[in-house]
Protein backbone atom coordinates (compact mmCIF):
# COMPACT_ATOMS: atom_id res chain seq x y z
CA MET A 1 77.28 88.43 139.43
CA THR A 2 78.79 91.74 138.50
CA GLY A 3 82.59 92.55 139.96
CA THR A 4 81.39 95.09 142.04
CA GLU A 5 78.60 92.70 143.49
CA GLY A 6 81.41 90.43 144.04
CA LEU A 7 83.75 92.90 145.70
CA ALA A 8 80.74 93.99 147.96
CA TYR A 9 80.49 90.28 148.73
CA GLY A 10 83.88 89.59 149.63
CA ALA A 11 84.38 93.05 151.93
CA LEU A 12 81.19 91.76 153.90
CA PHE A 13 82.75 88.64 154.42
CA VAL A 14 86.00 89.79 155.40
CA LEU A 15 83.96 92.42 157.47
CA ALA A 16 82.05 89.36 159.49
CA ILE A 17 84.94 87.56 160.01
CA ALA A 18 87.24 90.68 161.75
CA LEU A 19 84.59 91.70 163.43
CA LEU A 20 83.64 88.02 165.21
CA LEU A 21 87.45 87.67 166.13
CA THR A 22 87.21 90.80 168.04
CA ASN A 23 84.73 89.63 169.87
CA HIS A 24 81.96 92.34 168.67
CA LEU A 25 79.20 89.88 167.72
CA ILE A 26 76.39 92.67 167.40
CA LEU A 27 78.17 94.54 164.79
CA ALA A 28 79.04 91.16 163.46
CA THR A 29 75.50 90.16 163.02
CA VAL A 30 74.57 93.54 161.13
CA ALA A 31 77.51 92.70 158.63
CA ILE A 32 76.12 89.17 158.07
CA VAL A 33 72.86 90.18 157.45
CA PRO A 34 73.42 91.53 154.04
CA PHE A 35 75.47 88.67 153.27
CA VAL A 36 73.05 86.05 153.85
CA LEU A 37 70.49 87.92 151.69
CA ILE A 38 72.93 88.57 148.91
CA SER A 39 73.66 84.50 149.22
CA PHE A 40 69.46 84.06 148.94
CA LYS A 41 69.82 86.05 146.08
CA TYR A 42 71.80 83.72 143.79
CA SER A 43 71.01 80.34 145.59
CA PHE A 44 67.48 80.15 143.81
CA PRO A 45 67.32 79.81 140.11
CA THR A 46 65.39 82.22 137.99
CA LYS A 47 63.69 81.70 135.11
CA LYS A 48 63.60 83.78 132.28
CA ALA A 49 60.59 84.46 130.21
CA GLN A 50 60.21 82.79 127.17
CA ARG A 51 58.41 84.49 123.97
CA HIS A 52 56.52 82.06 121.55
CA ARG A 53 56.13 83.15 118.29
C-alpha cells in the first residue's frame, strides 16, 4: 500500500464513522462501499509471475 492509498483508506474510514454518528446512513453506505473494495484488494494474496530460465 502506498502512502496515498493509506491516506485515502484512513479518510474513508473517518468519513464513514462521522456519517454514521450523524445518522446519515445512506451517505455512510456510499462511503463504506469503496472502503470495503479496498479491503478486498489487500486481503487476497497475489501470485507474482516467475520466469524459469
